Each structure stands twice: as structure tokens, then as C-alpha cells.
């Protein structure tokens, strides 16, 4: 996945996030101080930096400005500070994203992947095939039996996410987190509506599914028709 540098002074948070991100496939190095973090950023050239603002030796915003003077590495600021008065200066200083504590490794992973996609740091994805369904993430197109599907951007994102996990049950909460980027909640009805639209365009219904199968009380999965 990605080579991540975590600059965080709280040992409990640093340990938990490092472990969680590694379990999700990332390589993680860490630093408890700003200056050590700056040294590692220049020396190791990570794919992305996760930066806490409340560091013991230097405020994180100052470190961000120093980083931007020497590197274009994507930076996600992860902090307990919230509100526009805190967020705007951080983004103006060059942060690519901003998340407020508390957050999980899975939520941070979603932000990491989104930032790397925007930065062009993720490897190009090959077309996905499930039965007669073909999903091309680079062209953002999908076809069924060779016929193009007329999908909205969100419908494509949902289909792409499911096609990348064929046969795997995906919860509505996971779709809200990964596709809608709503890690702290959202309306399940939104997912239901988009799945209904997607089924219609795939030529099926919830009562008579071919590709999209609901697993009652759990979620939905995309499978090759039997």
C-alpha cells in the first residue's frame, strides 16, 4: 500500500495507529517529535505523512511549513483541534487533509488512500471483471455483456468498490466510510437508494438478483451469476 511516516507524541496513539495501519498493509515509521520527524521525512521520503499538531518541541503547523519548504509529500494533519480557526491555517500551510481525533486506523486508511489518489501516488488499477461485468477504474467506465453502463459518479464508485471485493460481504457502514468518505456516520438509506439504482442498471432487482446480493442484516456482495 503506502509508506507512511507518523509524527505523533502520544505513545498510546502512536502505537495503536502504527499497528492498525500495518495490519491494513501499510509500512509505517514514526517519530514522537517534530525535528526527528523532519529528519525522517527528508531521509526516508515516505509516500505520506500523518502529522499531529501538539508536538513537544515545535508546533505542528510550523513543522508543516518547514516540510513544504523541502518536500511536496502529502500530509494529513490528525489532531484534537477542531473548528475553522484551527483548520484554515493548517490547510493554508499546505496540509492535504485534516482529521479530528478520535479516529480509527481504518478511518485514517480511507483518508490516506483518498489523498494518494488525488496526488497520483497510487498505482494505476487494472480493469476488474466479475462474470460479464467489466469495471475500468482508470477510465471510470463499466460495461455489462459488452454494453456500456450509464452510471453516475457515485454509482460507479459503489460498483468499483464492490467489484474489487468479489464475493465479499460489504456493510453499508463500510460503503459510507470508504465511498462517501463519511467515517463518523451517515444515512444508510443513501446506500440503499444507490444500490437500488445500480441494480436497475444491471437489469436486476433485489428480489431476483444476479450480481448484487443482499445479505440480510449484514450488507451486500457482488458475485458472478451462477
C-alpha atoms as a PDB file:
ATOM      1  CA  UNK A   1       0.000   0.000   0.000  1.00  0.00           C
ATOM      2  CA  UNK A   2       1.841   3.132   1.217  1.00  0.00           C
ATOM      3  CA  UNK A   3       4.982   4.041   3.150  1.00  0.00           C
ATOM      4  CA  UNK A   4       3.642   6.257   5.951  1.00  0.00           C
ATOM      5  CA  UNK A   5       5.514   8.435   8.444  1.00  0.00           C
ATOM      6  CA  UNK A   6       3.502   9.054  11.623  1.00  0.00           C
ATOM      7  CA  UNK A   7       4.593  12.103  13.656  1.00  0.00           C
ATOM      8  CA  UNK A   8       2.722  11.818  16.957  1.00  0.00           C
ATOM      9  CA  UNK A   9       3.960  12.415  20.516  1.00  0.00           C
ATOM     10  CA  UNK A  10       1.302  10.367  22.350  1.00  0.00           C
ATOM     11  CA  UNK A  11       2.823   6.895  22.683  1.00  0.00           C
ATOM     12  CA  UNK A  12      -0.560   5.165  23.070  1.00  0.00           C
ATOM     13  CA  UNK A  13      -1.997   6.740  19.915  1.00  0.00           C
ATOM     14  CA  UNK A  14       1.255   6.264  18.020  1.00  0.00           C
ATOM     15  CA  UNK A  15       1.467   2.567  18.902  1.00  0.00           C
ATOM     16  CA  UNK A  16      -2.198   1.835  18.154  1.00  0.00           C
ATOM     17  CA  UNK A  17      -2.204   3.664  14.809  1.00  0.00           C
ATOM     18  CA  UNK A  18       1.101   2.135  13.724  1.00  0.00           C
ATOM     19  CA  UNK A  19      -0.199  -1.351  14.470  1.00  0.00           C
ATOM     20  CA  UNK A  20      -3.569  -0.703  12.823  1.00  0.00           C
ATOM     21  CA  UNK A  21      -2.077   0.781   9.649  1.00  0.00           C
ATOM     22  CA  UNK A  22       0.402  -2.086   9.356  1.00  0.00           C
ATOM     23  CA  UNK A  23      -2.447  -4.578   9.650  1.00  0.00           C
ATOM     24  CA  UNK A  24      -4.090  -2.750   6.742  1.00  0.00           C
ATOM     25  CA  UNK A  25      -0.999  -3.308   4.620  1.00  0.00           C
ATOM     26  CA  UNK A  26       0.974  -0.074   5.059  1.00  0.00           C
ATOM     27  CA  UNK A  27       4.629   0.273   6.002  1.00  0.00           C
ATOM     28  CA  UNK A  28       4.824   2.635   8.990  1.00  0.00           C
ATOM     29  CA  UNK A  29       7.677   4.545  10.616  1.00  0.00           C
ATOM     30  CA  UNK A  30       7.090   7.001  13.441  1.00  0.00           C
ATOM     31  CA  UNK A  31       8.524   9.881  15.402  1.00  0.00           C
ATOM     32  CA  UNK A  32       7.455  11.466  18.727  1.00  0.00           C
ATOM     33  CA  UNK A  33       8.987  14.861  17.896  1.00  0.00           C
ATOM     34  CA  UNK A  34       8.841  17.417  15.110  1.00  0.00           C
ATOM     35  CA  UNK A  35      12.567  17.639  14.371  1.00  0.00           C
ATOM     36  CA  UNK A  36      13.066  13.887  14.311  1.00  0.00           C
ATOM     37  CA  UNK A  37      10.022  13.662  12.041  1.00  0.00           C
ATOM     38  CA  UNK A  38      11.506  16.251   9.698  1.00  0.00           C
ATOM     39  CA  UNK A  39      14.766  14.294   9.551  1.00  0.00           C
ATOM     40  CA  UNK A  40      12.934  11.059   8.709  1.00  0.00           C
ATOM     41  CA  UNK A  41      10.794  12.831   6.099  1.00  0.00           C
ATOM     42  CA  UNK A  42      13.870  14.112   4.275  1.00  0.00           C
ATOM     43  CA  UNK A  43      15.916  10.941   4.741  1.00  0.00           C
ATOM     44  CA  UNK A  44      13.310   8.247   4.020  1.00  0.00           C
ATOM     45  CA  UNK A  45      10.980  10.066   1.601  1.00  0.00           C
ATOM     46  CA  UNK A  46       7.705   8.444   2.711  1.00  0.00           C
ATOM     47  CA  UNK A  47       4.641   8.335   0.453  1.00  0.00           C
ATOM     48  CA  UNK A  48       2.601  10.270   3.027  1.00  0.00           C
ATOM     49  CA  UNK A  49       2.944  11.883   6.451  1.00  0.00           C
ATOM     50  CA  UNK A  50       0.359  11.824   9.223  1.00  0.00           C
ATOM     51  CA  UNK A  51       1.097  14.831  11.427  1.00  0.00           C
ATOM     52  CA  UNK A  52      -0.131  15.694  14.920  1.00  0.00           C
ATOM     53  CA  UNK A  53      -0.117  19.408  15.768  1.00  0.00           C
ATOM     54  CA  UNK A  54       0.595  19.229  19.506  1.00  0.00           C
ATOM     55  CA  UNK A  55       4.237  18.185  19.408  1.00  0.00           C
ATOM     56  CA  UNK A  56       6.603  18.787  22.355  1.00  0.00           C
ATOM     57  CA  UNK A  57       9.443  20.572  20.534  1.00  0.00           C
ATOM     58  CA  UNK A  58       7.659  22.529  17.775  1.00  0.00           C
ATOM     59  CA  UNK A  59       4.080  23.280  16.826  1.00  0.00           C
ATOM     60  CA  UNK A  60       2.866  21.046  14.020  1.00  0.00           C
ATOM     61  CA  UNK A  61       1.897  23.994  11.823  1.00  0.00           C
ATOM     62  CA  UNK A  62       5.476  25.268  11.924  1.00  0.00           C
ATOM     63  CA  UNK A  63       6.737  21.793  11.070  1.00  0.00           C
ATOM     64  CA  UNK A  64       4.281  21.681   8.167  1.00  0.00           C
ATOM     65  CA  UNK A  65       5.702  24.942   6.796  1.00  0.00           C
ATOM     66  CA  UNK A  66       9.230  23.532   7.118  1.00  0.00           C
ATOM     67  CA  UNK A  67       8.183  20.354   5.316  1.00  0.00           C
ATOM     68  CA  UNK A  68       6.610  22.336   2.500  1.00  0.00           C
ATOM     69  CA  UNK A  69       9.882  24.231   2.027  1.00  0.00           C
ATOM     70  CA  UNK A  70      11.715  21.000   1.206  1.00  0.00           C
ATOM     71  CA  UNK A  71       9.107  18.461   0.071  1.00  0.00           C
ATOM     72  CA  UNK A  72       5.776  18.002  -1.710  1.00  0.00           C
ATOM     73  CA  UNK A  73       4.968  14.827   0.248  1.00  0.00           C
ATOM     74  CA  UNK A  74       1.203  14.596   1.005  1.00  0.00           C
ATOM     75  CA  UNK A  75       0.402  15.465   4.629  1.00  0.00           C
ATOM     76  CA  UNK A  76      -2.693  14.554   6.624  1.00  0.00           C
ATOM     77  CA  UNK A  77      -2.960  16.585   9.815  1.00  0.00           C
ATOM     78  CA  UNK A  78      -4.505  14.474  12.580  1.00  0.00           C
ATOM     79  CA  UNK A  79      -5.267  16.386  15.747  1.00  0.00           C
ATOM     80  CA  UNK A  80      -7.664  17.077  18.599  1.00  0.00           C
ATOM     81  CA  UNK A  81      -8.009  20.704  17.481  1.00  0.00           C
ATOM     82  CA  UNK A  82     -11.168  21.460  15.533  1.00  0.00           C
ATOM     83  CA  UNK A  83     -13.048  24.432  14.125  1.00  0.00           C
ATOM     84  CA  UNK A  84     -12.327  26.777  11.225  1.00  0.00           C
ATOM     85  CA  UNK A  85      -9.942  28.887  13.331  1.00  0.00           C
ATOM     86  CA  UNK A  86      -7.648  25.852  13.569  1.00  0.00           C
ATOM     87  CA  UNK A  87      -8.370  24.145  10.271  1.00  0.00           C
ATOM     88  CA  UNK A  88      -7.958  27.023   7.816  1.00  0.00           C
ATOM     89  CA  UNK A  89      -4.364  27.969   8.793  1.00  0.00           C
ATOM     90  CA  UNK A  90      -3.349  24.309   8.612  1.00  0.00           C
ATOM     91  CA  UNK A  91      -4.764  23.869   5.120  1.00  0.00           C
ATOM     92  CA  UNK A  92      -3.258  27.200   4.069  1.00  0.00           C
ATOM     93  CA  UNK A  93       0.118  25.989   5.337  1.00  0.00           C
ATOM     94  CA  UNK A  94      -0.030  23.066   2.899  1.00  0.00           C
ATOM     95  CA  UNK A  95      -1.910  20.183   4.515  1.00  0.00           C
ATOM     96  CA  UNK A  96      -3.691  17.867   2.069  1.00  0.00           C
ATOM     97  CA  UNK A  97      -6.340  16.743   4.565  1.00  0.00           C
ATOM     98  CA  UNK A  98      -7.375  17.258   8.175  1.00  0.00           C
ATOM     99  CA  UNK A  99      -8.902  14.716  10.564  1.00  0.00           C
ATOM    100  CA  UNK A 100     -10.025  15.312  14.122  1.00  0.00           C
ATOM    101  CA  UNK A 101      -9.390  12.896  16.986  1.00  0.00           C
ATOM    102  CA  UNK A 102     -10.667  10.389  17.897  1.00  0.00           C
ATOM    103  CA  UNK A 103     -10.405   8.334  14.734  1.00  0.00           C
ATOM    104  CA  UNK A 104      -9.576   4.706  13.933  1.00  0.00           C
ATOM    105  CA  UNK A 105      -6.825   3.257  11.772  1.00  0.00           C
ATOM    106  CA  UNK A 106      -9.481   2.191   9.247  1.00  0.00           C
ATOM    107  CA  UNK A 107     -10.829   5.752   9.012  1.00  0.00           C
ATOM    108  CA  UNK A 108      -7.315   7.124   8.603  1.00  0.00           C
ATOM    109  CA  UNK A 109      -6.593   4.468   5.968  1.00  0.00           C
ATOM    110  CA  UNK A 110      -9.558   5.731   3.912  1.00  0.00           C
ATOM    111  CA  UNK A 111      -8.157   9.286   4.073  1.00  0.00           C
ATOM    112  CA  UNK A 112      -4.671   8.055   3.148  1.00  0.00           C
ATOM    113  CA  UNK A 113      -5.940   6.275   0.042  1.00  0.00           C
ATOM    114  CA  UNK A 114      -8.052   9.269  -0.993  1.00  0.00           C
ATOM    115  CA  UNK A 115      -5.127  11.697  -0.623  1.00  0.00           C
ATOM    116  CA  UNK A 116      -2.781   9.402  -2.552  1.00  0.00           C
ATOM    117  CA  UNK A 117      -5.328   9.048  -5.343  1.00  0.00           C
ATOM    118  CA  UNK A 118      -5.541  12.834  -5.635  1.00  0.00           C
ATOM    119  CA  UNK A 119      -1.755  13.109  -5.533  1.00  0.00           C
ATOM    120  CA  UNK A 120      -1.313  10.405  -8.141  1.00  0.00           C
ATOM    121  CA  UNK A 121       0.608   8.308  -5.668  1.00  0.00           C
ATOM    122  CA  UNK A 122      -1.470   5.171  -6.040  1.00  0.00           C
ATOM    123  CA  UNK A 123      -0.536   2.622  -8.663  1.00  0.00           C
ATOM    124  CA  UNK A 124      -2.841   2.513 -11.698  1.00  0.00           C
ATOM    125  CA  UNK A 125      -5.576  -0.063 -11.249  1.00  0.00           C
ATOM    126  CA  UNK A 126      -6.290  -2.685 -13.874  1.00  0.00           C
ATOM    127  CA  UNK A 127      -9.861  -3.329 -15.112  1.00  0.00           C
ATOM    128  CA  UNK A 128     -11.900  -5.616 -12.875  1.00  0.00           C
ATOM    129  CA  UNK A 129     -14.029  -8.470 -14.204  1.00  0.00           C
ATOM    130  CA  UNK A 130     -16.854 -10.252 -12.406  1.00  0.00           C
ATOM    131  CA  UNK A 131     -18.708 -12.533 -14.787  1.00  0.00           C
ATOM    132  CA  UNK A 132     -19.750 -10.467 -17.799  1.00  0.00           C
ATOM    133  CA  UNK A 133     -19.299  -7.244 -15.811  1.00  0.00           C
ATOM    134  CA  UNK A 134     -16.183  -5.167 -16.525  1.00  0.00           C
ATOM    135  CA  UNK A 135     -15.166  -2.158 -14.422  1.00  0.00           C
ATOM    136  CA  UNK A 136     -12.286   0.059 -15.558  1.00  0.00           C
ATOM    137  CA  UNK A 137     -11.194   2.374 -12.682  1.00  0.00           C
ATOM    138  CA  UNK A 138      -8.739   4.351 -14.816  1.00  0.00           C
ATOM    139  CA  UNK A 139     -11.325   5.245 -17.451  1.00  0.00           C
ATOM    140  CA  UNK A 140     -14.132   5.229 -14.846  1.00  0.00           C
ATOM    141  CA  UNK A 141     -16.305   3.154 -17.152  1.00  0.00           C
ATOM    142  CA  UNK A 142     -18.272  -0.054 -16.683  1.00  0.00           C
ATOM    143  CA  UNK A 143     -19.861  -2.462 -19.136  1.00  0.00           C
ATOM    144  CA  UNK A 144     -22.132  -5.476 -18.870  1.00  0.00           C
ATOM    145  CA  UNK A 145     -22.078  -8.065 -21.649  1.00  0.00           C
ATOM    146  CA  UNK A 146     -20.034  -5.586 -23.652  1.00  0.00           C
ATOM    147  CA  UNK A 147     -22.663  -2.858 -23.360  1.00  0.00           C
ATOM    148  CA  UNK A 148     -21.635   0.370 -21.564  1.00  0.00           C
ATOM    149  CA  UNK A 149     -23.446   1.148 -18.325  1.00  0.00           C
ATOM    150  CA  UNK A 150     -24.665   4.726 -17.855  1.00  0.00           C
ATOM    151  CA  UNK A 151     -23.594   5.278 -14.240  1.00  0.00           C
ATOM    152  CA  UNK A 152     -23.432   8.389 -12.106  1.00  0.00           C
ATOM    153  CA  UNK A 153     -20.031   9.054 -10.466  1.00  0.00           C
ATOM    154  CA  UNK A 154     -21.306   7.726  -7.124  1.00  0.00           C
ATOM    155  CA  UNK A 155     -22.860   4.631  -8.697  1.00  0.00           C
ATOM    156  CA  UNK A 156     -19.539   3.913 -10.374  1.00  0.00           C
ATOM    157  CA  UNK A 157     -17.674   4.335  -7.073  1.00  0.00           C
ATOM    158  CA  UNK A 158     -20.020   1.870  -5.341  1.00  0.00           C
ATOM    159  CA  UNK A 159     -19.737  -0.666  -8.163  1.00  0.00           C
ATOM    160  CA  UNK A 160     -15.951  -0.298  -8.296  1.00  0.00           C
ATOM    161  CA  UNK A 161     -15.633  -0.810  -4.540  1.00  0.00           C
ATOM    162  CA  UNK A 162     -17.750  -3.976  -4.656  1.00  0.00           C
ATOM    163  CA  UNK A 163     -16.101  -5.311  -7.831  1.00  0.00           C
ATOM    164  CA  UNK A 164     -12.692  -5.028  -6.141  1.00  0.00           C
ATOM    165  CA  UNK A 165     -14.023  -7.424  -3.451  1.00  0.00           C
ATOM    166  CA  UNK A 166     -15.970 -10.078  -5.394  1.00  0.00           C
ATOM    167  CA  UNK A 167     -17.899 -12.429  -3.146  1.00  0.00           C
ATOM    168  CA  UNK A 168     -17.046 -10.379  -0.044  1.00  0.00           C
ATOM    169  CA  UNK A 169     -19.897  -9.052   2.085  1.00  0.00           C
ATOM    170  CA  UNK A 170     -19.548  -5.283   2.482  1.00  0.00           C
ATOM    171  CA  UNK A 171     -21.573  -3.440   5.117  1.00  0.00           C
ATOM    172  CA  UNK A 172     -23.454  -0.213   4.469  1.00  0.00           C
ATOM    173  CA  UNK A 173     -21.308   1.448   7.109  1.00  0.00           C
ATOM    174  CA  UNK A 174     -18.181   0.430   5.208  1.00  0.00           C
ATOM    175  CA  UNK A 175     -19.601   1.870   1.986  1.00  0.00           C
ATOM    176  CA  UNK A 176     -20.392   5.138   3.766  1.00  0.00           C
ATOM    177  CA  UNK A 177     -16.849   5.269   5.126  1.00  0.00           C
ATOM    178  CA  UNK A 178     -14.962   4.200   2.008  1.00  0.00           C
ATOM    179  CA  UNK A 179     -17.121   5.526  -0.843  1.00  0.00           C
ATOM    180  CA  UNK A 180     -18.914   8.514   0.685  1.00  0.00           C
ATOM    181  CA  UNK A 181     -15.941   9.359   2.960  1.00  0.00           C
ATOM    182  CA  UNK A 182     -18.250   9.670   5.990  1.00  0.00           C
ATOM    183  CA  UNK A 183     -16.244   7.867   8.704  1.00  0.00           C
ATOM    184  CA  UNK A 184     -18.371   9.250  11.549  1.00  0.00           C
ATOM    185  CA  UNK A 185     -21.734   8.170  10.216  1.00  0.00           C
ATOM    186  CA  UNK A 186     -24.310   8.846   7.584  1.00  0.00           C
ATOM    187  CA  UNK A 187     -27.696   7.686   6.380  1.00  0.00           C
ATOM    188  CA  UNK A 188     -27.929   4.005   5.436  1.00  0.00           C
ATOM    189  CA  UNK A 189     -30.886   4.994   3.258  1.00  0.00           C
ATOM    190  CA  UNK A 190     -28.445   6.786   0.963  1.00  0.00           C
ATOM    191  CA  UNK A 191     -26.681   3.487   0.310  1.00  0.00           C
ATOM    192  CA  UNK A 192     -29.990   1.679  -0.211  1.00  0.00           C
ATOM    193  CA  UNK A 193     -31.088   4.184  -2.846  1.00  0.00           C
ATOM    194  CA  UNK A 194     -27.817   3.968  -4.793  1.00  0.00           C
ATOM    195  CA  UNK A 195     -27.844   0.165  -4.649  1.00  0.00           C
ATOM    196  CA  UNK A 196     -31.421   0.203  -5.984  1.00  0.00           C
ATOM    197  CA  UNK A 197     -30.382   2.450  -8.888  1.00  0.00           C
ATOM    198  CA  UNK A 198     -27.362   0.265  -9.548  1.00  0.00           C
ATOM    199  CA  UNK A 199     -29.478  -2.905  -9.605  1.00  0.00           C
ATOM    200  CA  UNK A 200     -31.830  -1.324 -12.119  1.00  0.00           C
ATOM    201  CA  UNK A 201     -28.933  -0.513 -14.437  1.00  0.00           C
ATOM    202  CA  UNK A 202     -27.597  -4.050 -14.072  1.00  0.00           C
ATOM    203  CA  UNK A 203     -31.019  -5.327 -15.153  1.00  0.00           C
ATOM    204  CA  UNK A 204     -31.950  -6.985 -11.890  1.00  0.00           C
ATOM    205  CA  UNK A 205     -33.972  -6.468  -8.722  1.00  0.00           C
ATOM    206  CA  UNK A 206     -33.420  -7.129  -5.031  1.00  0.00           C
ATOM    207  CA  UNK A 207     -35.997  -9.930  -5.255  1.00  0.00           C
ATOM    208  CA  UNK A 208     -34.278 -11.509  -8.274  1.00  0.00           C
ATOM    209  CA  UNK A 209     -30.572 -10.606  -8.005  1.00  0.00           C
ATOM    210  CA  UNK A 210     -27.850 -11.670 -10.432  1.00  0.00           C
ATOM    211  CA  UNK A 211     -24.764  -9.693  -9.402  1.00  0.00           C
ATOM    212  CA  UNK A 212     -25.806  -7.667  -6.346  1.00  0.00           C
ATOM    213  CA  UNK A 213     -26.916  -9.890  -3.481  1.00  0.00           C
ATOM    214  CA  UNK A 214     -28.165  -8.558  -0.154  1.00  0.00           C
ATOM    215  CA  UNK A 215     -27.064 -10.450   2.949  1.00  0.00           C
ATOM    216  CA  UNK A 216     -29.857  -9.613   5.369  1.00  0.00           C
ATOM    217  CA  UNK A 217     -28.690  -7.786   8.472  1.00  0.00           C
ATOM    218  CA  UNK A 218     -25.075  -7.690   7.260  1.00  0.00           C
ATOM    219  CA  UNK A 219     -24.605  -5.925   3.915  1.00  0.00           C
ATOM    220  CA  UNK A 220     -24.272  -6.566   0.192  1.00  0.00           C
ATOM    221  CA  UNK A 221     -21.914  -8.518  -2.051  1.00  0.00           C
ATOM    222  CA  UNK A 222     -21.125  -8.576  -5.770  1.00  0.00           C
ATOM    223  CA  UNK A 223     -20.859 -12.084  -7.191  1.00  0.00           C
ATOM    224  CA  UNK A 224     -20.600 -13.791 -10.561  1.00  0.00           C
ATOM    225  CA  UNK A 225     -24.023 -15.141 -11.562  1.00  0.00           C
ATOM    226  CA  UNK A 226     -24.273 -18.901 -11.166  1.00  0.00           C
END
